[in-house]
Amino acid sequence: MRAEEREIALRDGTRCLLRSPRAEDGEAVLRHLRRVSGESPYTAFLPEELGGTLRQEQAFLKRQLASPNRLMLACFAAGGLIGLGGLGPAASSHKCRHRAEMGVTIRRRWWGLGLGRTVVEVLCREALRLGYERMELQVMEGNTRAVALYERCGFARCGVLPDAYRTEEGSQSALLMSKAL
């Protein structure tokens, strides 16, 4: 699905364009994901694990735009891609079709400026418009900034998945969070 294009102002006054990424954004998306995974210990992937080709990423972005139940949101500012958010079905079964899950990645330079909150709020509104009734996510337990953001956006902790991630610091649990839309 394609998101409505909109412009927002961040807390520092920076203008940011929010829109669905297109196939021609494939290189920027790959670069963004590699940068974010190198900047933050809280991603579920390492930079070297992002081995997809540009052609594969472009095909993926085309499928996202054509999907009736998935949405990606790209955030552009200062001449580049600074954040991504996405939502899709939490499971493929008929009994679970009311549940969506989401993920968000923001470049470290742009943390604390309101972009994460805006992306989460837009994704929740769009999920409701798509017919979802519940939004879910997983976040690394030590990611206190993200947990606080999600709680401010109305998410509640609903479980812990122990040993979900293995990092240089050891085993990390995933907090499971959910919100009724």
C-alpha atoms as a PDB file:
ATOM      1  CA  MET A   1       0.000   0.000   0.000  1.00  0.00           C
ATOM      2  CA  ARG A   2       1.132   3.535  -0.672  1.00  0.00           C
ATOM      3  CA  ALA A   3       1.193   6.058   2.201  1.00  0.00           C
ATOM      4  CA  GLU A   4      -0.054   9.571   1.708  1.00  0.00           C
ATOM      5  CA  GLU A   5       2.903  11.900   1.269  1.00  0.00           C
ATOM      6  CA  ARG A   6       3.232  14.487   4.032  1.00  0.00           C
ATOM      7  CA  GLU A   7       5.754  16.924   5.396  1.00  0.00           C
ATOM      8  CA  ILE A   8       6.448  17.312   9.104  1.00  0.00           C
ATOM      9  CA  ALA A   9       8.704  19.515  11.193  1.00  0.00           C
ATOM     10  CA  LEU A  10      10.997  17.875  13.728  1.00  0.00           C
ATOM     11  CA  ARG A  11      11.651  19.405  17.150  1.00  0.00           C
ATOM     12  CA  ASP A  12      14.779  21.137  15.854  1.00  0.00           C
ATOM     13  CA  GLY A  13      12.838  22.697  12.954  1.00  0.00           C
ATOM     14  CA  THR A  14      14.129  20.301  10.284  1.00  0.00           C
ATOM     15  CA  ARG A  15      11.541  19.617   7.590  1.00  0.00           C
ATOM     16  CA  CYS A  16      11.018  15.921   6.922  1.00  0.00           C
ATOM     17  CA  LEU A  17       9.138  14.254   4.068  1.00  0.00           C
ATOM     18  CA  LEU A  18       7.223  11.063   4.900  1.00  0.00           C
ATOM     19  CA  ARG A  19       6.190   8.801   2.041  1.00  0.00           C
ATOM     20  CA  SER A  20       6.247   5.206   0.915  1.00  0.00           C
ATOM     21  CA  PRO A  21       9.617   4.185  -0.489  1.00  0.00           C
ATOM     22  CA  ARG A  22       9.599   3.410  -4.199  1.00  0.00           C
ATOM     23  CA  ALA A  23      11.772   1.040  -6.209  1.00  0.00           C
ATOM     24  CA  GLU A  24      14.151   3.876  -7.048  1.00  0.00           C
ATOM     25  CA  ASP A  25      14.755   4.306  -3.297  1.00  0.00           C
ATOM     26  CA  GLY A  26      16.195   0.781  -3.052  1.00  0.00           C
ATOM     27  CA  GLU A  27      19.803   1.904  -2.756  1.00  0.00           C
ATOM     28  CA  ALA A  28      18.929   4.474  -0.069  1.00  0.00           C
ATOM     29  CA  VAL A  29      16.961   1.852   1.889  1.00  0.00           C
ATOM     30  CA  LEU A  30      19.854  -0.622   1.837  1.00  0.00           C
ATOM     31  CA  ARG A  31      22.311   2.101   2.843  1.00  0.00           C
ATOM     32  CA  HIS A  32      19.986   3.224   5.661  1.00  0.00           C
ATOM     33  CA  LEU A  33      19.594  -0.293   7.069  1.00  0.00           C
ATOM     34  CA  ARG A  34      23.356  -0.874   6.988  1.00  0.00           C
ATOM     35  CA  ARG A  35      24.005   2.442   8.737  1.00  0.00           C
ATOM     36  CA  VAL A  36      21.360   1.922  11.411  1.00  0.00           C
ATOM     37  CA  SER A  37      22.556  -1.593  12.187  1.00  0.00           C
ATOM     38  CA  GLY A  38      26.090  -0.241  12.568  1.00  0.00           C
ATOM     39  CA  GLU A  39      25.032   2.718  14.730  1.00  0.00           C
ATOM     40  CA  SER A  40      22.757   0.960  17.165  1.00  0.00           C
ATOM     41  CA  PRO A  41      23.205  -2.196  19.220  1.00  0.00           C
ATOM     42  CA  TYR A  42      19.417  -2.608  19.275  1.00  0.00           C
ATOM     43  CA  THR A  43      18.720  -3.802  15.740  1.00  0.00           C
ATOM     44  CA  ALA A  44      17.909  -7.468  15.197  1.00  0.00           C
ATOM     45  CA  PHE A  45      20.499  -7.673  12.404  1.00  0.00           C
ATOM     46  CA  LEU A  46      24.142  -6.829  11.760  1.00  0.00           C
ATOM     47  CA  PRO A  47      25.329  -4.774   8.760  1.00  0.00           C
ATOM     48  CA  GLU A  48      27.000  -7.811   7.167  1.00  0.00           C
ATOM     49  CA  GLU A  49      23.723  -9.738   7.301  1.00  0.00           C
ATOM     50  CA  LEU A  50      22.104  -7.340   4.836  1.00  0.00           C
ATOM     51  CA  GLY A  51      23.259  -9.173   1.763  1.00  0.00           C
ATOM     52  CA  GLY A  52      20.354  -8.488  -0.549  1.00  0.00           C
ATOM     53  CA  THR A  53      21.058  -6.995  -3.942  1.00  0.00           C
ATOM     54  CA  LEU A  54      19.709  -3.703  -5.185  1.00  0.00           C
ATOM     55  CA  ARG A  55      17.475  -5.580  -7.623  1.00  0.00           C
ATOM     56  CA  GLN A  56      16.032  -7.693  -4.777  1.00  0.00           C
ATOM     57  CA  GLU A  57      15.385  -4.597  -2.657  1.00  0.00           C
ATOM     58  CA  GLN A  58      13.673  -2.842  -5.549  1.00  0.00           C
ATOM     59  CA  ALA A  59      11.431  -5.873  -6.107  1.00  0.00           C
ATOM     60  CA  PHE A  60      10.636  -5.966  -2.377  1.00  0.00           C
ATOM     61  CA  LEU A  61       9.670  -2.277  -2.379  1.00  0.00           C
ATOM     62  CA  LYS A  62       7.408  -2.815  -5.411  1.00  0.00           C
ATOM     63  CA  ARG A  63       5.670  -5.704  -3.612  1.00  0.00           C
ATOM     64  CA  GLN A  64       5.155  -3.501  -0.538  1.00  0.00           C
ATOM     65  CA  LEU A  65       3.489  -0.809  -2.630  1.00  0.00           C
ATOM     66  CA  ALA A  66       1.217  -3.366  -4.311  1.00  0.00           C
ATOM     67  CA  SER A  67       0.249  -5.143  -1.081  1.00  0.00           C
ATOM     68  CA  PRO A  68      -3.230  -4.449   0.315  1.00  0.00           C
ATOM     69  CA  ASN A  69      -2.178  -5.217   3.912  1.00  0.00           C
ATOM     70  CA  ARG A  70       1.430  -3.952   4.202  1.00  0.00           C
ATOM     71  CA  LEU A  71       2.815  -0.440   4.388  1.00  0.00           C
ATOM     72  CA  MET A  72       6.275   1.079   4.504  1.00  0.00           C
ATOM     73  CA  LEU A  73       7.018   4.656   5.448  1.00  0.00           C
ATOM     74  CA  ALA A  74      10.301   6.355   4.547  1.00  0.00           C
ATOM     75  CA  CYS A  75      11.482   9.579   6.175  1.00  0.00           C
ATOM     76  CA  PHE A  76      13.653  11.923   4.121  1.00  0.00           C
ATOM     77  CA  ALA A  77      15.539  14.970   5.425  1.00  0.00           C
ATOM     78  CA  ALA A  78      18.855  16.695   4.837  1.00  0.00           C
ATOM     79  CA  GLY A  79      19.124  15.091   1.412  1.00  0.00           C
ATOM     80  CA  GLY A  80      18.821  11.497   2.574  1.00  0.00           C
ATOM     81  CA  LEU A  81      16.799   8.709   4.141  1.00  0.00           C
ATOM     82  CA  ILE A  82      16.816   9.083   7.931  1.00  0.00           C
ATOM     83  CA  GLY A  83      14.118   6.645   9.041  1.00  0.00           C
ATOM     84  CA  LEU A  84      11.961   3.726   7.997  1.00  0.00           C
ATOM     85  CA  GLY A  85       8.849   2.193   9.443  1.00  0.00           C
ATOM     86  CA  GLY A  86       6.768  -0.697   8.301  1.00  0.00           C
ATOM     87  CA  LEU A  87       3.745  -2.736   9.190  1.00  0.00           C
ATOM     88  CA  GLY A  88       2.308  -5.999   8.012  1.00  0.00           C
ATOM     89  CA  PRO A  89       0.300  -8.977   9.197  1.00  0.00           C
ATOM     90  CA  ALA A  90       1.515 -10.475  12.470  1.00  0.00           C
ATOM     91  CA  ALA A  91       0.573 -13.922  11.126  1.00  0.00           C
ATOM     92  CA  SER A  92      -0.901 -15.319   7.936  1.00  0.00           C
ATOM     93  CA  SER A  93      -3.767 -17.291   9.477  1.00  0.00           C
ATOM     94  CA  HIS A  94      -7.403 -16.225   9.282  1.00  0.00           C
ATOM     95  CA  LYS A  95      -7.703 -16.208  13.081  1.00  0.00           C
ATOM     96  CA  CYS A  96      -4.876 -13.671  13.375  1.00  0.00           C
ATOM     97  CA  ARG A  97      -5.730 -11.286  10.569  1.00  0.00           C
ATOM     98  CA  HIS A  98      -6.764  -8.572  13.042  1.00  0.00           C
ATOM     99  CA  ARG A  99      -3.135  -8.275  14.270  1.00  0.00           C
ATOM    100  CA  ALA A 100      -0.383  -6.217  12.657  1.00  0.00           C
ATOM    101  CA  GLU A 101       3.240  -5.979  13.637  1.00  0.00           C
ATOM    102  CA  MET A 102       5.525  -3.057  13.076  1.00  0.00           C
ATOM    103  CA  GLY A 103       9.173  -2.129  13.020  1.00  0.00           C
ATOM    104  CA  VAL A 104      10.922   1.242  13.053  1.00  0.00           C
ATOM    105  CA  THR A 105      14.532   2.286  12.388  1.00  0.00           C
ATOM    106  CA  ILE A 106      15.764   5.848  12.853  1.00  0.00           C
ATOM    107  CA  ARG A 107      19.317   7.089  12.259  1.00  0.00           C
ATOM    108  CA  ARG A 108      21.031   7.971  15.556  1.00  0.00           C
ATOM    109  CA  ARG A 109      21.592  11.595  14.495  1.00  0.00           C
ATOM    110  CA  TRP A 110      17.789  12.017  14.396  1.00  0.00           C
ATOM    111  CA  TRP A 111      16.922  10.400  17.744  1.00  0.00           C
ATOM    112  CA  GLY A 112      15.033  12.544  20.238  1.00  0.00           C
ATOM    113  CA  LEU A 113      13.513  14.899  17.664  1.00  0.00           C
ATOM    114  CA  GLY A 114      10.002  13.384  17.510  1.00  0.00           C
ATOM    115  CA  LEU A 115      10.462  11.399  14.313  1.00  0.00           C
ATOM    116  CA  GLY A 116      10.075   8.000  15.976  1.00  0.00           C
ATOM    117  CA  ARG A 117       6.841   9.045  17.662  1.00  0.00           C
ATOM    118  CA  THR A 118       5.467  10.441  14.409  1.00  0.00           C
ATOM    119  CA  VAL A 119       6.290   7.252  12.500  1.00  0.00           C
ATOM    120  CA  VAL A 120       4.718   5.049  15.199  1.00  0.00           C
ATOM    121  CA  GLU A 121       1.560   7.183  15.300  1.00  0.00           C
ATOM    122  CA  VAL A 122       1.214   7.227  11.503  1.00  0.00           C
ATOM    123  CA  LEU A 123       1.730   3.463  11.287  1.00  0.00           C
ATOM    124  CA  CYS A 124      -0.931   2.858  13.956  1.00  0.00           C
ATOM    125  CA  ARG A 125      -3.441   5.111  12.165  1.00  0.00           C
ATOM    126  CA  GLU A 126      -2.725   3.434   8.829  1.00  0.00           C
ATOM    127  CA  ALA A 127      -3.019  -0.035  10.381  1.00  0.00           C
ATOM    128  CA  LEU A 128      -6.475   0.847  11.684  1.00  0.00           C
ATOM    129  CA  ARG A 129      -7.429   2.145   8.243  1.00  0.00           C
ATOM    130  CA  LEU A 130      -6.261  -1.176   6.758  1.00  0.00           C
ATOM    131  CA  GLY A 131      -8.613  -3.043   9.083  1.00  0.00           C
ATOM    132  CA  TYR A 132      -6.178  -4.152  11.769  1.00  0.00           C
ATOM    133  CA  GLU A 133      -7.400  -3.959  15.360  1.00  0.00           C
ATOM    134  CA  ARG A 134      -4.142  -4.572  17.244  1.00  0.00           C
ATOM    135  CA  MET A 135      -0.531  -3.520  16.692  1.00  0.00           C
ATOM    136  CA  GLU A 136       2.356  -5.575  18.057  1.00  0.00           C
ATOM    137  CA  LEU A 137       6.118  -5.238  18.201  1.00  0.00           C
ATOM    138  CA  GLN A 138       9.248  -6.709  19.726  1.00  0.00           C
ATOM    139  CA  VAL A 139      12.002  -4.576  21.183  1.00  0.00           C
ATOM    140  CA  MET A 140      15.312  -5.521  22.740  1.00  0.00           C
ATOM    141  CA  GLU A 141      14.828  -5.295  26.492  1.00  0.00           C
ATOM    142  CA  GLY A 142      17.808  -2.977  27.021  1.00  0.00           C
ATOM    143  CA  ASN A 143      16.514  -0.433  24.504  1.00  0.00           C
ATOM    144  CA  THR A 144      15.014   1.819  27.168  1.00  0.00           C
ATOM    145  CA  ARG A 145      14.527   4.807  24.819  1.00  0.00           C
ATOM    146  CA  ALA A 146      12.430   2.746  22.399  1.00  0.00           C
ATOM    147  CA  VAL A 147      10.452   1.076  25.196  1.00  0.00           C
ATOM    148  CA  ALA A 148       9.635   4.508  26.662  1.00  0.00           C
ATOM    149  CA  LEU A 149       8.576   5.779  23.218  1.00  0.00           C
ATOM    150  CA  TYR A 150       6.277   2.827  22.643  1.00  0.00           C
ATOM    151  CA  GLU A 151       4.738   3.201  26.099  1.00  0.00           C
ATOM    152  CA  ARG A 152       4.106   6.925  25.427  1.00  0.00           C
ATOM    153  CA  CYS A 153       2.347   5.841  22.218  1.00  0.00           C
ATOM    154  CA  GLY A 154       0.007   3.543  24.178  1.00  0.00           C
ATOM    155  CA  PHE A 155       1.785   0.196  23.882  1.00  0.00           C
ATOM    156  CA  ALA A 156       1.830  -2.090  26.905  1.00  0.00           C
ATOM    157  CA  ARG A 157       4.310  -4.800  27.761  1.00  0.00           C
ATOM    158  CA  CYS A 158       2.617  -8.141  27.316  1.00  0.00           C
ATOM    159  CA  GLY A 159       5.448 -10.620  27.572  1.00  0.00           C
ATOM    160  CA  VAL A 160       9.126 -11.391  27.465  1.00  0.00           C
ATOM    161  CA  LEU A 161      10.873 -13.695  25.036  1.00  0.00           C
ATOM    162  CA  PRO A 162      14.033 -14.794  26.862  1.00  0.00           C
ATOM    163  CA  ASP A 163      17.294 -15.243  24.975  1.00  0.00           C
ATOM    164  CA  ALA A 164      15.811 -13.649  21.854  1.00  0.00           C
ATOM    165  CA  TYR A 165      19.069 -11.972  20.810  1.00  0.00           C
ATOM    166  CA  ARG A 166      22.724 -12.874  21.224  1.00  0.00           C
ATOM    167  CA  THR A 167      24.955  -9.815  21.395  1.00  0.00           C
ATOM    168  CA  GLU A 168      28.527  -9.102  22.437  1.00  0.00           C
ATOM    169  CA  GLU A 169      27.109  -8.372  25.894  1.00  0.00           C
ATOM    170  CA  GLY A 170      25.460 -11.803  26.004  1.00  0.00           C
ATOM    171  CA  SER A 171      21.881 -12.975  25.833  1.00  0.00           C
ATOM    172  CA  GLN A 172      19.172 -10.307  25.505  1.00  0.00           C
ATOM    173  CA  SER A 173      15.437 -10.762  25.972  1.00  0.00           C
ATOM    174  CA  ALA A 174      12.810  -9.261  23.706  1.00  0.00           C
ATOM    175  CA  LEU A 175       9.958  -7.336  25.240  1.00  0.00           C
ATOM    176  CA  LEU A 176       6.681  -8.069  23.508  1.00  0.00           C
ATOM    177  CA  MET A 177       4.438  -5.023  23.332  1.00  0.00           C
ATOM    178  CA  SER A 178       0.909  -4.593  22.046  1.00  0.00           C
ATOM    179  CA  LYS A 179      -1.687  -1.888  21.573  1.00  0.00           C
ATOM    180  CA  ALA A 180      -5.387  -2.025  20.746  1.00  0.00           C
ATOM    181  CA  LEU A 181      -6.098   0.244  17.807  1.00  0.00           C
END
